[in-house]
Amino acid sequence: MTESTLAAQRGMPSLVWRAGQERRLNMIARWSRLQDARVLIDGCGIGTYAAQIRRRYTPHVEAFDIEADRVRQAQHETPHAVIAAAEYLPYPSGAFDTILSHEVLEHVQDDRLAVREMVRVLKPGGRVVIFVPNRGYPFETHGHYWRGTYHFGNTPLINYLPDALRNRLAPHVRAYTNRGLRDLFTGLPARLVHHSRVYGGYDNIIARLGRPGRLLRDTLYRLEGTPLDAFGLSHLLVMEKTG
């Protein structure tokens, strides 16, 4: 599998730790239990978030990813990282206090089954923190296909097209509406704790532009919690397992 094909099918995991990742970790810590908790990283990539949570909060971190090469990298700092699919988790029911699914559900074969599995392995009262792409964001960040060829990078306005056309151009990745994301939990023993849209870290833009880049980022962050967060990069959804 080429790097381009892998990027299309699985996305690119967090490879570095910068302000954007730090901000998201703070969100995770705000909305879930991390200190001395049993934590599962659902789709860990090379283990960036798993390593940070182990260093700062708890040694009880387990993780999985479907890509063997990525799991081997994650195991350098997270020994309990295994190869698995999100739809068939190799963990007992009620095992974890917190599950992090960071930009993963959009890539799995069956997102409803993946959500059901996350709820299954949560303890009652445990929380799952989910980040996924927002259908309202003006760019499709996972690239697109045109005449059978994959083109990596940000593509404007694809997510604003009707489903039939959008899914022909980006069949490899989902983008979620508010309702579409919440509906994944229909019929499951889980209650909504928090749902918002968040903007990205824009660390690359800041590295190139400096102060204007920081001004852009800070302006977008001030839009969170207003109607204009409808254009945010990602959903942040927090669900709690009920008894």
C-alpha atoms as a PDB file:
ATOM      1  CA  MET A   1       0.000   0.000   0.000  1.00  0.00           C
ATOM      2  CA  THR A   2       1.462   3.358  -1.022  1.00  0.00           C
ATOM      3  CA  GLU A   3       1.561   6.344   1.323  1.00  0.00           C
ATOM      4  CA  SER A   4      -1.016   8.068  -0.887  1.00  0.00           C
ATOM      5  CA  THR A   5      -3.394   5.108  -0.720  1.00  0.00           C
ATOM      6  CA  LEU A   6      -2.896   4.820   3.039  1.00  0.00           C
ATOM      7  CA  ALA A   7      -3.621   8.528   3.482  1.00  0.00           C
ATOM      8  CA  ALA A   8      -6.818   8.123   1.480  1.00  0.00           C
ATOM      9  CA  GLN A   9      -8.079   5.075   3.356  1.00  0.00           C
ATOM     10  CA  ARG A  10      -6.943   5.809   6.926  1.00  0.00           C
ATOM     11  CA  GLY A  11      -6.033   9.486   7.038  1.00  0.00           C
ATOM     12  CA  MET A  12      -2.808  10.771   8.537  1.00  0.00           C
ATOM     13  CA  PRO A  13      -2.323  10.411  12.296  1.00  0.00           C
ATOM     14  CA  SER A  14      -0.963  13.143  14.542  1.00  0.00           C
ATOM     15  CA  LEU A  15       2.780  13.009  13.893  1.00  0.00           C
ATOM     16  CA  VAL A  16       3.869  15.982  16.013  1.00  0.00           C
ATOM     17  CA  TRP A  17       2.800  17.683  19.215  1.00  0.00           C
ATOM     18  CA  ARG A  18       2.077  21.384  18.855  1.00  0.00           C
ATOM     19  CA  ALA A  19      -0.429  23.947  20.094  1.00  0.00           C
ATOM     20  CA  GLY A  20      -3.331  22.381  18.212  1.00  0.00           C
ATOM     21  CA  GLN A  21      -2.822  18.968  19.793  1.00  0.00           C
ATOM     22  CA  GLU A  22      -2.260  20.537  23.208  1.00  0.00           C
ATOM     23  CA  ARG A  23      -5.549  22.407  22.935  1.00  0.00           C
ATOM     24  CA  ARG A  24      -7.438  19.246  22.078  1.00  0.00           C
ATOM     25  CA  LEU A  25      -5.862  17.352  24.962  1.00  0.00           C
ATOM     26  CA  ASN A  26      -7.101  20.096  27.281  1.00  0.00           C
ATOM     27  CA  MET A  27     -10.614  19.596  25.865  1.00  0.00           C
ATOM     28  CA  ILE A  28     -10.373  15.860  26.467  1.00  0.00           C
ATOM     29  CA  ALA A  29      -9.233  16.436  30.051  1.00  0.00           C
ATOM     30  CA  ARG A  30     -12.084  18.893  30.607  1.00  0.00           C
ATOM     31  CA  TRP A  31     -14.830  16.557  29.453  1.00  0.00           C
ATOM     32  CA  SER A  32     -13.602  13.181  30.680  1.00  0.00           C
ATOM     33  CA  ARG A  33     -11.711  11.508  33.490  1.00  0.00           C
ATOM     34  CA  LEU A  34      -8.022  10.992  32.788  1.00  0.00           C
ATOM     35  CA  GLN A  35      -6.279  11.085  36.173  1.00  0.00           C
ATOM     36  CA  ASP A  36      -5.574   7.479  37.232  1.00  0.00           C
ATOM     37  CA  ALA A  37      -8.273   6.341  34.819  1.00  0.00           C
ATOM     38  CA  ARG A  38      -8.385   3.345  32.506  1.00  0.00           C
ATOM     39  CA  VAL A  39      -8.198   4.958  29.073  1.00  0.00           C
ATOM     40  CA  LEU A  40      -8.583   3.495  25.587  1.00  0.00           C
ATOM     41  CA  ILE A  41      -7.331   5.305  22.491  1.00  0.00           C
ATOM     42  CA  ASP A  42      -9.586   4.174  19.653  1.00  0.00           C
ATOM     43  CA  GLY A  43      -7.526   4.363  16.458  1.00  0.00           C
ATOM     44  CA  CYS A  44      -4.262   5.506  18.006  1.00  0.00           C
ATOM     45  CA  GLY A  45      -2.180   6.122  14.895  1.00  0.00           C
ATOM     46  CA  ILE A  46       1.462   6.245  15.995  1.00  0.00           C
ATOM     47  CA  GLY A  47       0.382   6.786  19.604  1.00  0.00           C
ATOM     48  CA  THR A  48       0.794  10.543  19.976  1.00  0.00           C
ATOM     49  CA  TYR A  49      -2.205  11.121  22.250  1.00  0.00           C
ATOM     50  CA  ALA A  50      -1.703   7.807  24.044  1.00  0.00           C
ATOM     51  CA  ALA A  51       1.843   8.776  24.976  1.00  0.00           C
ATOM     52  CA  GLN A  52       0.856  12.218  26.260  1.00  0.00           C
ATOM     53  CA  ILE A  53      -1.953  10.809  28.411  1.00  0.00           C
ATOM     54  CA  ARG A  54       0.381   8.148  29.847  1.00  0.00           C
ATOM     55  CA  ARG A  55       3.014  10.734  30.718  1.00  0.00           C
ATOM     56  CA  ARG A  56       0.658  13.215  32.336  1.00  0.00           C
ATOM     57  CA  TYR A  57      -2.335  11.388  33.775  1.00  0.00           C
ATOM     58  CA  THR A  58      -2.326   7.604  34.060  1.00  0.00           C
ATOM     59  CA  PRO A  59      -0.266   4.512  33.269  1.00  0.00           C
ATOM     60  CA  HIS A  60      -3.453   2.600  32.469  1.00  0.00           C
ATOM     61  CA  VAL A  61      -3.635   3.438  28.756  1.00  0.00           C
ATOM     62  CA  GLU A  62      -4.473   0.908  26.088  1.00  0.00           C
ATOM     63  CA  ALA A  63      -4.659   1.624  22.387  1.00  0.00           C
ATOM     64  CA  PHE A  64      -5.290   0.034  19.041  1.00  0.00           C
ATOM     65  CA  ASP A  65      -5.069   0.777  15.351  1.00  0.00           C
ATOM     66  CA  ILE A  66      -5.752  -1.236  12.234  1.00  0.00           C
ATOM     67  CA  GLU A  67      -2.342  -0.433  10.704  1.00  0.00           C
ATOM     68  CA  ALA A  68       0.448  -2.715  11.978  1.00  0.00           C
ATOM     69  CA  ASP A  69       3.266  -0.263  11.228  1.00  0.00           C
ATOM     70  CA  ARG A  70       1.548   2.464  13.218  1.00  0.00           C
ATOM     71  CA  VAL A  71       0.913   0.134  16.147  1.00  0.00           C
ATOM     72  CA  ARG A  72       4.581  -0.818  16.267  1.00  0.00           C
ATOM     73  CA  GLN A  73       5.496   2.871  16.546  1.00  0.00           C
ATOM     74  CA  ALA A  74       2.856   3.428  19.233  1.00  0.00           C
ATOM     75  CA  GLN A  75       4.250   0.519  21.282  1.00  0.00           C
ATOM     76  CA  HIS A  76       7.482   2.454  21.923  1.00  0.00           C
ATOM     77  CA  GLU A  77       5.642   4.480  24.560  1.00  0.00           C
ATOM     78  CA  THR A  78       2.349   2.611  24.925  1.00  0.00           C
ATOM     79  CA  PRO A  79       3.147  -1.085  25.429  1.00  0.00           C
ATOM     80  CA  HIS A  80      -0.519  -2.094  25.442  1.00  0.00           C
ATOM     81  CA  ALA A  81      -1.120  -1.043  21.837  1.00  0.00           C
ATOM     82  CA  VAL A  82      -2.552  -3.770  19.607  1.00  0.00           C
ATOM     83  CA  ILE A  83      -3.754  -4.303  16.063  1.00  0.00           C
ATOM     84  CA  ALA A  84      -7.556  -4.300  15.931  1.00  0.00           C
ATOM     85  CA  ALA A  85     -10.542  -2.938  14.032  1.00  0.00           C
ATOM     86  CA  ALA A  86     -12.875  -0.417  15.641  1.00  0.00           C
ATOM     87  CA  GLU A  87     -15.883  -2.598  14.852  1.00  0.00           C
ATOM     88  CA  TYR A  88     -14.561  -5.607  16.814  1.00  0.00           C
ATOM     89  CA  LEU A  89     -12.762  -4.498  19.957  1.00  0.00           C
ATOM     90  CA  PRO A  90     -10.652  -7.114  21.788  1.00  0.00           C
ATOM     91  CA  TYR A  91     -11.645  -5.833  25.240  1.00  0.00           C
ATOM     92  CA  PRO A  92     -14.218  -7.009  27.798  1.00  0.00           C
ATOM     93  CA  SER A  93     -17.408  -5.063  28.381  1.00  0.00           C
ATOM     94  CA  GLY A  94     -17.220  -2.310  30.981  1.00  0.00           C
ATOM     95  CA  ALA A  95     -13.423  -2.065  30.940  1.00  0.00           C
ATOM     96  CA  PHE A  96     -12.677   1.656  30.508  1.00  0.00           C
ATOM     97  CA  ASP A  97     -13.402   4.948  32.225  1.00  0.00           C
ATOM     98  CA  THR A  98     -12.631   7.013  29.132  1.00  0.00           C
ATOM     99  CA  ILE A  99     -12.355   6.362  25.403  1.00  0.00           C
ATOM    100  CA  LEU A 100     -10.822   8.813  22.957  1.00  0.00           C
ATOM    101  CA  SER A 101     -11.750   8.512  19.285  1.00  0.00           C
ATOM    102  CA  HIS A 102      -9.795  11.263  17.566  1.00  0.00           C
ATOM    103  CA  GLU A 103     -10.649  11.734  13.873  1.00  0.00           C
ATOM    104  CA  VAL A 104     -11.204   7.998  13.397  1.00  0.00           C
ATOM    105  CA  LEU A 105     -14.917   7.268  12.839  1.00  0.00           C
ATOM    106  CA  GLU A 106     -14.886   8.922   9.427  1.00  0.00           C
ATOM    107  CA  HIS A 107     -12.518   6.193   8.186  1.00  0.00           C
ATOM    108  CA  VAL A 108     -14.001   2.967   9.595  1.00  0.00           C
ATOM    109  CA  GLN A 109     -16.048   0.555   7.530  1.00  0.00           C
ATOM    110  CA  ASP A 110     -19.096   0.650   9.837  1.00  0.00           C
ATOM    111  CA  ASP A 111     -19.307   3.702  12.077  1.00  0.00           C
ATOM    112  CA  ARG A 112     -22.484   2.538  13.840  1.00  0.00           C
ATOM    113  CA  LEU A 113     -20.890  -0.746  14.840  1.00  0.00           C
ATOM    114  CA  ALA A 114     -17.736   1.084  15.944  1.00  0.00           C
ATOM    115  CA  VAL A 115     -19.804   3.362  18.200  1.00  0.00           C
ATOM    116  CA  ARG A 116     -21.689   0.384  19.617  1.00  0.00           C
ATOM    117  CA  GLU A 117     -18.383  -1.271  20.502  1.00  0.00           C
ATOM    118  CA  MET A 118     -17.100   1.846  22.237  1.00  0.00           C
ATOM    119  CA  VAL A 119     -20.221   2.018  24.374  1.00  0.00           C
ATOM    120  CA  ARG A 120     -19.934  -1.689  25.163  1.00  0.00           C
ATOM    121  CA  VAL A 121     -16.403  -1.450  26.568  1.00  0.00           C
ATOM    122  CA  LEU A 122     -17.125   1.685  28.622  1.00  0.00           C
ATOM    123  CA  LYS A 123     -17.910   1.386  32.309  1.00  0.00           C
ATOM    124  CA  PRO A 124     -21.288   2.799  33.393  1.00  0.00           C
ATOM    125  CA  GLY A 125     -20.608   6.477  33.946  1.00  0.00           C
ATOM    126  CA  GLY A 126     -17.609   6.339  31.612  1.00  0.00           C
ATOM    127  CA  ARG A 127     -17.328   8.773  28.739  1.00  0.00           C
ATOM    128  CA  VAL A 128     -16.324   8.626  25.103  1.00  0.00           C
ATOM    129  CA  VAL A 129     -14.799  11.757  23.584  1.00  0.00           C
ATOM    130  CA  ILE A 130     -15.147  11.903  19.807  1.00  0.00           C
ATOM    131  CA  PHE A 131     -13.632  14.264  17.262  1.00  0.00           C
ATOM    132  CA  VAL A 132     -14.827  13.859  13.658  1.00  0.00           C
ATOM    133  CA  PRO A 133     -14.957  16.097  10.568  1.00  0.00           C
ATOM    134  CA  ASN A 134     -17.744  18.658  10.389  1.00  0.00           C
ATOM    135  CA  ARG A 135     -19.803  18.654   7.196  1.00  0.00           C
ATOM    136  CA  GLY A 136     -20.072  22.437   7.481  1.00  0.00           C
ATOM    137  CA  TYR A 137     -16.321  23.055   7.197  1.00  0.00           C
ATOM    138  CA  PRO A 138     -15.582  24.727   3.844  1.00  0.00           C
ATOM    139  CA  PHE A 139     -12.792  22.280   2.931  1.00  0.00           C
ATOM    140  CA  GLU A 140     -12.556  18.510   2.660  1.00  0.00           C
ATOM    141  CA  THR A 141      -9.203  17.954   4.355  1.00  0.00           C
ATOM    142  CA  HIS A 142      -8.797  14.321   3.270  1.00  0.00           C
ATOM    143  CA  GLY A 143      -8.447  15.008  -0.435  1.00  0.00           C
ATOM    144  CA  HIS A 144     -10.693  13.724  -3.215  1.00  0.00           C
ATOM    145  CA  TYR A 145     -10.889  11.389  -6.179  1.00  0.00           C
ATOM    146  CA  TRP A 146     -11.193  12.620  -9.733  1.00  0.00           C
ATOM    147  CA  ARG A 147     -11.463  10.186 -12.652  1.00  0.00           C
ATOM    148  CA  GLY A 148     -10.162   7.382 -10.497  1.00  0.00           C
ATOM    149  CA  THR A 149      -7.100   9.256  -9.230  1.00  0.00           C
ATOM    150  CA  TYR A 150      -6.682  10.310  -5.608  1.00  0.00           C
ATOM    151  CA  HIS A 151      -5.609  13.898  -4.958  1.00  0.00           C
ATOM    152  CA  PHE A 152      -4.304  14.592  -1.454  1.00  0.00           C
ATOM    153  CA  GLY A 153      -4.917  17.938   0.251  1.00  0.00           C
ATOM    154  CA  ASN A 154      -7.644  20.422   1.115  1.00  0.00           C
ATOM    155  CA  THR A 155     -10.443  20.619  -1.446  1.00  0.00           C
ATOM    156  CA  PRO A 156     -12.954  23.476  -1.161  1.00  0.00           C
ATOM    157  CA  LEU A 157     -16.727  23.083  -1.016  1.00  0.00           C
ATOM    158  CA  ILE A 158     -16.985  19.310  -1.585  1.00  0.00           C
ATOM    159  CA  ASN A 159     -18.874  18.847   1.671  1.00  0.00           C
ATOM    160  CA  TYR A 160     -21.516  21.354   0.570  1.00  0.00           C
ATOM    161  CA  LEU A 161     -22.542  19.185  -2.375  1.00  0.00           C
ATOM    162  CA  PRO A 162     -25.534  16.789  -2.255  1.00  0.00           C
ATOM    163  CA  ASP A 163     -24.656  13.412  -0.749  1.00  0.00           C
ATOM    164  CA  ALA A 164     -24.674  11.528  -4.058  1.00  0.00           C
ATOM    165  CA  LEU A 165     -22.107  13.843  -5.633  1.00  0.00           C
ATOM    166  CA  ARG A 166     -20.085  14.488  -2.490  1.00  0.00           C
ATOM    167  CA  ASN A 167     -19.679  10.767  -1.870  1.00  0.00           C
ATOM    168  CA  ARG A 168     -18.492  10.165  -5.429  1.00  0.00           C
ATOM    169  CA  LEU A 169     -15.704  12.703  -4.957  1.00  0.00           C
ATOM    170  CA  ALA A 170     -14.838  11.620  -1.407  1.00  0.00           C
ATOM    171  CA  PRO A 171     -15.965   7.985  -1.052  1.00  0.00           C
ATOM    172  CA  HIS A 172     -13.048   7.255   1.286  1.00  0.00           C
ATOM    173  CA  VAL A 173     -14.090   9.492   4.185  1.00  0.00           C
ATOM    174  CA  ARG A 174     -17.208  10.734   5.968  1.00  0.00           C
ATOM    175  CA  ALA A 175     -18.084  14.208   7.171  1.00  0.00           C
ATOM    176  CA  TYR A 176     -20.849  14.518   9.745  1.00  0.00           C
ATOM    177  CA  THR A 177     -23.769  16.806  10.355  1.00  0.00           C
ATOM    178  CA  ASN A 178     -24.890  17.409  13.947  1.00  0.00           C
ATOM    179  CA  ARG A 179     -27.802  15.034  13.587  1.00  0.00           C
ATOM    180  CA  GLY A 180     -25.884  12.415  11.644  1.00  0.00           C
ATOM    181  CA  LEU A 181     -23.276  12.147  14.383  1.00  0.00           C
ATOM    182  CA  ARG A 182     -25.713  11.971  17.283  1.00  0.00           C
ATOM    183  CA  ASP A 183     -27.877   9.438  15.460  1.00  0.00           C
ATOM    184  CA  LEU A 184     -25.020   6.930  15.680  1.00  0.00           C
ATOM    185  CA  PHE A 185     -25.923   6.535  19.364  1.00  0.00           C
ATOM    186  CA  THR A 186     -29.641   5.955  18.820  1.00  0.00           C
ATOM    187  CA  GLY A 187     -30.804   2.965  20.868  1.00  0.00           C
ATOM    188  CA  LEU A 188     -27.581   2.716  22.864  1.00  0.00           C
ATOM    189  CA  PRO A 189     -27.283   3.180  26.652  1.00  0.00           C
ATOM    190  CA  ALA A 190     -25.618   6.580  26.422  1.00  0.00           C
ATOM    191  CA  ARG A 191     -26.578  10.181  27.128  1.00  0.00           C
ATOM    192  CA  LEU A 192     -25.333  13.382  25.574  1.00  0.00           C
ATOM    193  CA  VAL A 193     -22.933  15.380  27.778  1.00  0.00           C
ATOM    194  CA  HIS A 194     -21.535  17.914  25.316  1.00  0.00           C
ATOM    195  CA  HIS A 195     -21.620  18.666  21.597  1.00  0.00           C
ATOM    196  CA  SER A 196     -19.871  21.563  19.881  1.00  0.00           C
ATOM    197  CA  ARG A 197     -17.853  22.419  16.811  1.00  0.00           C
ATOM    198  CA  VAL A 198     -14.203  23.430  17.111  1.00  0.00           C
ATOM    199  CA  TYR A 199     -11.726  25.052  14.774  1.00  0.00           C
ATOM    200  CA  GLY A 200      -8.302  23.619  14.018  1.00  0.00           C
ATOM    201  CA  GLY A 201      -4.870  24.395  15.386  1.00  0.00           C
ATOM    202  CA  TYR A 202      -3.547  26.107  12.234  1.00  0.00           C
ATOM    203  CA  ASP A 203       0.019  25.554  13.410  1.00  0.00           C
ATOM    204  CA  ASN A 204       1.330  25.300   9.837  1.00  0.00           C
ATOM    205  CA  ILE A 205      -0.298  28.615   8.903  1.00  0.00           C
ATOM    206  CA  ILE A 206       1.191  30.290  11.981  1.00  0.00           C
ATOM    207  CA  ALA A 207       4.619  28.875  11.143  1.00  0.00           C
ATOM    208  CA  ARG A 208       4.409  30.451   7.680  1.00  0.00           C
ATOM    209  CA  LEU A 209       2.674  33.737   8.465  1.00  0.00           C
ATOM    210  CA  GLY A 210       3.595  34.456  12.069  1.00  0.00           C
ATOM    211  CA  ARG A 211       1.441  37.138  13.700  1.00  0.00           C
ATOM    212  CA  PRO A 212      -1.243  37.263  10.948  1.00  0.00           C
ATOM    213  CA  GLY A 213      -1.633  33.502  11.324  1.00  0.00           C
ATOM    214  CA  ARG A 214      -2.079  33.811  15.086  1.00  0.00           C
ATOM    215  CA  LEU A 215      -4.631  36.575  14.559  1.00  0.00           C
ATOM    216  CA  LEU A 216      -6.601  34.340  12.198  1.00  0.00           C
ATOM    217  CA  ARG A 217      -6.514  31.436  14.658  1.00  0.00           C
ATOM    218  CA  ASP A 218      -7.544  33.588  17.624  1.00  0.00           C
ATOM    219  CA  THR A 219     -10.414  35.094  15.626  1.00  0.00           C
ATOM    220  CA  LEU A 220     -11.706  31.661  14.688  1.00  0.00           C
ATOM    221  CA  TYR A 221     -11.459  30.458  18.280  1.00  0.00           C
ATOM    222  CA  ARG A 222     -13.650  33.353  19.371  1.00  0.00           C
ATOM    223  CA  LEU A 223     -16.324  32.065  16.991  1.00  0.00           C
ATOM    224  CA  GLU A 224     -16.626  28.813  18.937  1.00  0.00           C
ATOM    225  CA  GLY A 225     -19.826  28.808  20.947  1.00  0.00           C
ATOM    226  CA  THR A 226     -21.507  31.148  18.456  1.00  0.00           C
ATOM    227  CA  PRO A 227     -23.641  30.278  15.399  1.00  0.00           C
ATOM    228  CA  LEU A 228     -20.498  30.662  13.278  1.00  0.00           C
ATOM    229  CA  ASP A 229     -18.953  27.553  14.781  1.00  0.00           C
ATOM    230  CA  ALA A 230     -21.147  25.769  12.229  1.00  0.00           C
ATOM    231  CA  PHE A 231     -18.110  26.222   9.957  1.00  0.00           C
ATOM    232  CA  GLY A 232     -15.690  24.659  12.459  1.00  0.00           C
ATOM    233  CA  LEU A 233     -13.239  21.978  11.407  1.00  0.00           C
ATOM    234  CA  SER A 234     -14.471  19.209  13.717  1.00  0.00           C
ATOM    235  CA  HIS A 235     -17.264  18.084  15.961  1.00  0.00           C
ATOM    236  CA  LEU A 236     -16.460  17.513  19.615  1.00  0.00           C
ATOM    237  CA  LEU A 237     -18.995  15.035  20.981  1.00  0.00           C
ATOM    238  CA  VAL A 238     -18.977  13.672  24.537  1.00  0.00           C
ATOM    239  CA  MET A 239     -21.285  10.806  25.452  1.00  0.00           C
ATOM    240  CA  GLU A 240     -21.641   9.082  28.833  1.00  0.00           C
ATOM    241  CA  LYS A 241     -22.660   5.474  29.299  1.00  0.00           C
ATOM    242  CA  THR A 242     -25.764   5.119  31.398  1.00  0.00           C
ATOM    243  CA  GLY A 243     -26.475   2.321  33.826  1.00  0.00           C
END
